[in-house]
Amino acid sequence: MFVKILKSKLHHARVTETKLHYPGSIAIDSALMEAVGILPYESVLMADLNNGNRLETYVVPAEAGSRQIVVLGAAARLIKPKDIVIILSFGFLTPEEAKEFKPKIVVLDENNNITK
């Protein structure tokens, strides 16, 4: 049996832009993706602290160092620029693996710089 475990988290990311007419996903600065181990096209859950909306989508890389968090497609109706979001990814582990596993978590400031 496998259990679903938090793999990585970008905490307090600020949405820099939204683009409604796009096939759908979220673009994240590839340096931030690397910091927490999120892969291109990986599924993520986003939770918007401004309005409580939660949605699942996939990640496409944005330019490294750009600090961009761009909500693309239909999700742009639920999440707006300047909203603060939590971006979570999960993995499936055996219970034995889960006991030893530590997720990669970073906290971001208002400019999407890593603070810890």
N, C-alpha and C. Protein backbone atom coordinates (compact mmCIF):
# COMPACT_ATOMS: atom_id res chain seq x y z
N MET A 1 0.84 -1.18 0.00
CA MET A 1 0.00 0.00 0.00
C MET A 1 0.89 1.24 0.00
N PHE A 2 0.41 2.29 -0.66
CA PHE A 2 1.10 3.57 -0.68
C PHE A 2 0.25 4.62 0.03
N VAL A 3 0.94 5.62 0.60
CA VAL A 3 0.26 6.77 1.21
C VAL A 3 0.69 8.03 0.46
N LYS A 4 -0.22 8.97 0.36
CA LYS A 4 0.06 10.24 -0.30
C LYS A 4 0.67 11.19 0.72
N ILE A 5 1.88 11.67 0.42
CA ILE A 5 2.65 12.48 1.35
C ILE A 5 3.02 13.81 0.69
N LEU A 6 3.05 14.88 1.47
CA LEU A 6 3.53 16.16 0.96
C LEU A 6 4.98 16.01 0.53
N LYS A 7 5.27 16.33 -0.73
CA LYS A 7 6.62 16.23 -1.28
C LYS A 7 7.33 17.59 -1.23
N SER A 8 6.60 18.65 -1.61
CA SER A 8 7.21 19.97 -1.64
C SER A 8 6.15 21.06 -1.50
N LYS A 9 6.64 22.23 -1.06
CA LYS A 9 5.70 23.33 -0.80
C LYS A 9 6.39 24.67 -1.02
N LEU A 10 5.73 25.53 -1.80
CA LEU A 10 6.11 26.94 -1.91
C LEU A 10 5.08 27.71 -1.10
N HIS A 11 5.49 28.22 0.05
CA HIS A 11 4.57 28.85 0.99
C HIS A 11 4.59 30.36 0.82
N HIS A 12 3.41 30.93 0.67
CA HIS A 12 3.21 32.38 0.53
C HIS A 12 3.76 32.93 -0.78
N ALA A 13 3.61 32.18 -1.86
CA ALA A 13 4.00 32.69 -3.18
C ALA A 13 3.00 33.77 -3.59
N ARG A 14 3.50 34.82 -4.20
CA ARG A 14 2.63 35.89 -4.67
C ARG A 14 2.45 35.76 -6.18
N VAL A 15 1.19 35.73 -6.62
CA VAL A 15 0.88 35.62 -8.04
C VAL A 15 1.29 36.92 -8.72
N THR A 16 2.13 36.80 -9.75
CA THR A 16 2.63 37.99 -10.44
C THR A 16 1.78 38.38 -11.64
N GLU A 17 1.04 37.40 -12.19
CA GLU A 17 0.27 37.67 -13.40
C GLU A 17 -0.72 36.52 -13.62
N THR A 18 -1.77 36.80 -14.38
CA THR A 18 -2.68 35.75 -14.83
C THR A 18 -2.90 35.92 -16.33
N LYS A 19 -3.12 34.81 -17.02
CA LYS A 19 -3.42 34.83 -18.45
C LYS A 19 -4.56 33.86 -18.70
N LEU A 20 -5.74 34.39 -18.89
CA LEU A 20 -6.93 33.57 -19.07
C LEU A 20 -6.87 32.72 -20.33
N HIS A 21 -6.51 33.30 -21.44
CA HIS A 21 -6.54 32.59 -22.72
C HIS A 21 -5.24 31.85 -22.96
N TYR A 22 -5.11 30.74 -22.26
CA TYR A 22 -3.94 29.88 -22.29
C TYR A 22 -4.45 28.48 -22.02
N PRO A 23 -3.82 27.45 -22.57
CA PRO A 23 -4.36 26.09 -22.38
C PRO A 23 -4.52 25.64 -20.93
N GLY A 24 -3.82 26.26 -20.01
CA GLY A 24 -4.06 25.96 -18.61
C GLY A 24 -2.86 25.37 -17.90
N SER A 25 -2.50 25.94 -16.77
CA SER A 25 -1.42 25.48 -15.92
C SER A 25 -0.97 26.64 -15.04
N ILE A 26 0.18 26.49 -14.41
CA ILE A 26 0.80 27.58 -13.67
C ILE A 26 2.27 27.62 -14.05
N ALA A 27 2.77 28.80 -14.38
CA ALA A 27 4.19 28.98 -14.67
C ALA A 27 4.87 29.43 -13.38
N ILE A 28 5.94 28.74 -13.04
CA ILE A 28 6.68 29.03 -11.81
C ILE A 28 8.15 29.21 -12.17
N ASP A 29 8.77 30.23 -11.60
CA ASP A 29 10.20 30.45 -11.76
C ASP A 29 10.93 29.11 -11.58
N SER A 30 11.70 28.71 -12.58
CA SER A 30 12.33 27.39 -12.54
C SER A 30 13.33 27.25 -11.39
N ALA A 31 13.90 28.36 -10.91
CA ALA A 31 14.78 28.29 -9.75
C ALA A 31 13.99 27.93 -8.49
N LEU A 32 12.76 28.44 -8.37
CA LEU A 32 11.91 28.08 -7.24
C LEU A 32 11.48 26.62 -7.35
N MET A 33 11.18 26.19 -8.58
CA MET A 33 10.82 24.78 -8.79
C MET A 33 11.96 23.88 -8.33
N GLU A 34 13.17 24.23 -8.72
CA GLU A 34 14.33 23.42 -8.34
C GLU A 34 14.54 23.41 -6.83
N ALA A 35 14.30 24.54 -6.18
CA ALA A 35 14.51 24.64 -4.73
C ALA A 35 13.67 23.64 -3.95
N VAL A 36 12.49 23.32 -4.48
CA VAL A 36 11.62 22.37 -3.77
C VAL A 36 11.44 21.05 -4.49
N GLY A 37 12.07 20.90 -5.65
CA GLY A 37 12.00 19.63 -6.35
C GLY A 37 10.73 19.41 -7.16
N ILE A 38 10.08 20.48 -7.61
CA ILE A 38 8.92 20.34 -8.50
C ILE A 38 9.44 20.23 -9.92
N LEU A 39 8.93 19.24 -10.66
CA LEU A 39 9.37 18.98 -12.02
C LEU A 39 8.43 19.63 -13.04
N PRO A 40 8.94 19.93 -14.24
CA PRO A 40 8.05 20.44 -15.29
C PRO A 40 6.90 19.46 -15.53
N TYR A 41 5.72 19.99 -15.64
CA TYR A 41 4.47 19.26 -15.91
C TYR A 41 3.99 18.43 -14.73
N GLU A 42 4.60 18.59 -13.59
CA GLU A 42 4.14 17.89 -12.39
C GLU A 42 2.82 18.50 -11.91
N SER A 43 1.97 17.65 -11.40
CA SER A 43 0.69 18.09 -10.85
C SER A 43 0.92 18.79 -9.51
N VAL A 44 0.21 19.91 -9.31
CA VAL A 44 0.29 20.63 -8.03
C VAL A 44 -1.11 21.04 -7.59
N LEU A 45 -1.24 21.24 -6.30
CA LEU A 45 -2.45 21.80 -5.70
C LEU A 45 -2.10 23.22 -5.29
N MET A 46 -2.99 24.17 -5.64
CA MET A 46 -2.80 25.55 -5.22
C MET A 46 -3.92 25.94 -4.28
N ALA A 47 -3.54 26.62 -3.20
CA ALA A 47 -4.52 27.14 -2.25
C ALA A 47 -4.32 28.65 -2.18
N ASP A 48 -5.38 29.40 -2.45
CA ASP A 48 -5.34 30.87 -2.47
C ASP A 48 -5.73 31.39 -1.09
N LEU A 49 -4.80 32.07 -0.42
CA LEU A 49 -5.08 32.60 0.92
C LEU A 49 -6.01 33.79 0.88
N ASN A 50 -6.12 34.47 -0.27
CA ASN A 50 -6.99 35.64 -0.36
C ASN A 50 -8.47 35.29 -0.44
N ASN A 51 -8.80 34.16 -1.08
CA ASN A 51 -10.22 33.86 -1.27
C ASN A 51 -10.61 32.42 -0.93
N GLY A 52 -9.65 31.60 -0.54
CA GLY A 52 -9.96 30.23 -0.15
C GLY A 52 -10.07 29.23 -1.29
N ASN A 53 -9.95 29.69 -2.53
CA ASN A 53 -10.03 28.76 -3.66
C ASN A 53 -8.87 27.78 -3.63
N ARG A 54 -9.17 26.53 -3.99
CA ARG A 54 -8.16 25.48 -4.12
C ARG A 54 -8.37 24.84 -5.48
N LEU A 55 -7.27 24.58 -6.17
CA LEU A 55 -7.39 23.93 -7.48
C LEU A 55 -6.14 23.12 -7.78
N GLU A 56 -6.33 22.16 -8.67
CA GLU A 56 -5.22 21.33 -9.12
C GLU A 56 -4.90 21.68 -10.56
N THR A 57 -3.61 21.75 -10.87
CA THR A 57 -3.14 22.03 -12.22
C THR A 57 -1.77 21.42 -12.37
N TYR A 58 -1.06 21.79 -13.43
CA TYR A 58 0.30 21.30 -13.62
C TYR A 58 1.22 22.49 -13.84
N VAL A 59 2.51 22.26 -13.65
CA VAL A 59 3.50 23.33 -13.67
C VAL A 59 4.26 23.37 -14.99
N VAL A 60 4.46 24.58 -15.50
CA VAL A 60 5.39 24.80 -16.60
C VAL A 60 6.46 25.77 -16.07
N PRO A 61 7.71 25.56 -16.48
CA PRO A 61 8.78 26.41 -15.95
C PRO A 61 8.76 27.81 -16.55
N ALA A 62 8.97 28.80 -15.69
CA ALA A 62 9.20 30.18 -16.11
C ALA A 62 10.70 30.45 -15.99
N GLU A 63 11.15 31.56 -16.53
CA GLU A 63 12.57 31.90 -16.53
C GLU A 63 13.15 31.88 -15.12
N ALA A 64 14.29 31.23 -14.97
CA ALA A 64 14.98 31.18 -13.68
C ALA A 64 15.34 32.59 -13.23
N GLY A 65 15.06 32.88 -11.98
CA GLY A 65 15.37 34.19 -11.42
C GLY A 65 14.32 35.25 -11.66
N SER A 66 13.30 34.94 -12.44
CA SER A 66 12.25 35.92 -12.76
C SER A 66 11.31 36.14 -11.58
N ARG A 67 11.24 35.19 -10.68
CA ARG A 67 10.34 35.18 -9.53
C ARG A 67 8.87 35.21 -9.96
N GLN A 68 8.61 34.74 -11.17
CA GLN A 68 7.24 34.72 -11.69
C GLN A 68 6.44 33.55 -11.13
N ILE A 69 5.19 33.84 -10.81
CA ILE A 69 4.16 32.87 -10.51
C ILE A 69 2.97 33.32 -11.36
N VAL A 70 2.75 32.65 -12.49
CA VAL A 70 1.74 33.09 -13.45
C VAL A 70 0.65 32.02 -13.56
N VAL A 71 -0.55 32.38 -13.19
CA VAL A 71 -1.69 31.47 -13.28
C VAL A 71 -2.23 31.55 -14.70
N LEU A 72 -2.33 30.39 -15.35
CA LEU A 72 -2.67 30.31 -16.76
C LEU A 72 -3.97 29.56 -16.97
N GLY A 73 -4.78 30.01 -17.92
CA GLY A 73 -6.01 29.30 -18.27
C GLY A 73 -7.16 29.59 -17.31
N ALA A 74 -8.08 28.64 -17.22
CA ALA A 74 -9.32 28.83 -16.46
C ALA A 74 -9.08 29.21 -15.01
N ALA A 75 -7.97 28.78 -14.42
CA ALA A 75 -7.67 29.12 -13.03
C ALA A 75 -7.55 30.63 -12.82
N ALA A 76 -7.32 31.37 -13.91
CA ALA A 76 -7.23 32.83 -13.82
C ALA A 76 -8.58 33.44 -13.40
N ARG A 77 -9.65 32.69 -13.49
CA ARG A 77 -10.95 33.17 -12.99
C ARG A 77 -11.07 33.02 -11.47
N LEU A 78 -10.20 32.19 -10.89
CA LEU A 78 -10.27 31.90 -9.45
C LEU A 78 -9.16 32.55 -8.65
N ILE A 79 -8.05 32.85 -9.30
CA ILE A 79 -6.87 33.41 -8.62
C ILE A 79 -6.45 34.65 -9.38
N LYS A 80 -6.17 35.71 -8.66
CA LYS A 80 -5.86 37.01 -9.28
C LYS A 80 -4.42 37.44 -9.00
N PRO A 81 -3.88 38.36 -9.83
CA PRO A 81 -2.55 38.90 -9.53
C PRO A 81 -2.51 39.50 -8.13
N LYS A 82 -1.39 39.30 -7.47
CA LYS A 82 -1.09 39.75 -6.11
C LYS A 82 -1.69 38.84 -5.04
N ASP A 83 -2.53 37.86 -5.42
CA ASP A 83 -3.01 36.90 -4.43
C ASP A 83 -1.82 36.12 -3.88
N ILE A 84 -1.94 35.72 -2.64
CA ILE A 84 -0.92 34.90 -2.00
C ILE A 84 -1.41 33.46 -2.02
N VAL A 85 -0.57 32.57 -2.56
CA VAL A 85 -0.96 31.18 -2.71
C VAL A 85 0.07 30.25 -2.06
N ILE A 86 -0.39 29.06 -1.76
CA ILE A 86 0.47 27.98 -1.32
C ILE A 86 0.43 26.94 -2.44
N ILE A 87 1.59 26.53 -2.90
CA ILE A 87 1.70 25.56 -3.99
C ILE A 87 2.27 24.27 -3.42
N LEU A 88 1.51 23.19 -3.55
CA LEU A 88 1.87 21.92 -2.92
C LEU A 88 1.99 20.82 -3.96
N SER A 89 3.00 19.97 -3.80
CA SER A 89 3.07 18.76 -4.62
C SER A 89 3.17 17.56 -3.68
N PHE A 90 2.71 16.43 -4.16
CA PHE A 90 2.62 15.23 -3.34
C PHE A 90 3.29 14.06 -4.03
N GLY A 91 3.68 13.07 -3.25
CA GLY A 91 4.24 11.84 -3.78
C GLY A 91 3.60 10.66 -3.08
N PHE A 92 3.75 9.51 -3.66
CA PHE A 92 3.21 8.27 -3.08
C PHE A 92 4.37 7.43 -2.58
N LEU A 93 4.35 7.13 -1.29
CA LEU A 93 5.42 6.38 -0.64
C LEU A 93 4.83 5.21 0.13
N THR A 94 5.67 4.24 0.38
CA THR A 94 5.24 3.17 1.29
C THR A 94 5.22 3.76 2.70
N PRO A 95 4.47 3.17 3.62
CA PRO A 95 4.48 3.68 4.99
C PRO A 95 5.89 3.73 5.60
N GLU A 96 6.73 2.77 5.24
CA GLU A 96 8.10 2.75 5.75
C GLU A 96 8.90 3.93 5.21
N GLU A 97 8.75 4.20 3.90
CA GLU A 97 9.44 5.35 3.30
C GLU A 97 8.92 6.66 3.89
N ALA A 98 7.63 6.73 4.12
CA ALA A 98 7.00 7.96 4.62
C ALA A 98 7.52 8.34 6.01
N LYS A 99 7.87 7.34 6.82
CA LYS A 99 8.37 7.62 8.18
C LYS A 99 9.67 8.41 8.15
N GLU A 100 10.47 8.21 7.12
CA GLU A 100 11.78 8.86 7.02
C GLU A 100 11.79 10.09 6.12
N PHE A 101 10.74 10.26 5.33
CA PHE A 101 10.71 11.30 4.32
C PHE A 101 10.49 12.68 4.93
N LYS A 102 11.23 13.68 4.42
CA LYS A 102 11.05 15.07 4.82
C LYS A 102 10.75 15.90 3.58
N PRO A 103 9.62 16.59 3.54
CA PRO A 103 9.29 17.42 2.36
C PRO A 103 10.23 18.63 2.26
N LYS A 104 10.37 19.12 1.03
CA LYS A 104 11.13 20.34 0.80
C LYS A 104 10.15 21.50 0.84
N ILE A 105 10.35 22.40 1.79
CA ILE A 105 9.44 23.53 1.99
C ILE A 105 10.25 24.82 2.00
N VAL A 106 9.80 25.79 1.20
CA VAL A 106 10.40 27.12 1.26
C VAL A 106 9.30 28.14 1.51
N VAL A 107 9.66 29.18 2.22
CA VAL A 107 8.77 30.30 2.49
C VAL A 107 9.27 31.46 1.65
N LEU A 108 8.33 32.14 0.99
CA LEU A 108 8.68 33.25 0.10
C LEU A 108 8.22 34.58 0.69
N ASP A 109 8.94 35.64 0.33
CA ASP A 109 8.51 36.99 0.73
C ASP A 109 7.58 37.58 -0.32
N GLU A 110 7.25 38.86 -0.20
CA GLU A 110 6.28 39.48 -1.11
C GLU A 110 6.79 39.61 -2.54
N ASN A 111 8.09 39.39 -2.75
CA ASN A 111 8.67 39.42 -4.10
C ASN A 111 9.07 38.04 -4.60
N ASN A 112 8.57 37.01 -3.94
CA ASN A 112 8.87 35.61 -4.26
C ASN A 112 10.34 35.25 -4.12
N ASN A 113 11.02 35.91 -3.19
CA ASN A 113 12.38 35.52 -2.82
C ASN A 113 12.29 34.55 -1.66
N ILE A 114 13.17 33.58 -1.63
CA ILE A 114 13.17 32.58 -0.55
C ILE A 114 13.68 33.22 0.73
N THR A 115 12.87 33.10 1.79
CA THR A 115 13.29 33.64 3.10
C THR A 115 13.76 32.52 4.01
N LYS A 116 13.21 31.31 3.84
CA LYS A 116 13.70 30.13 4.59
C LYS A 116 13.19 28.87 3.97
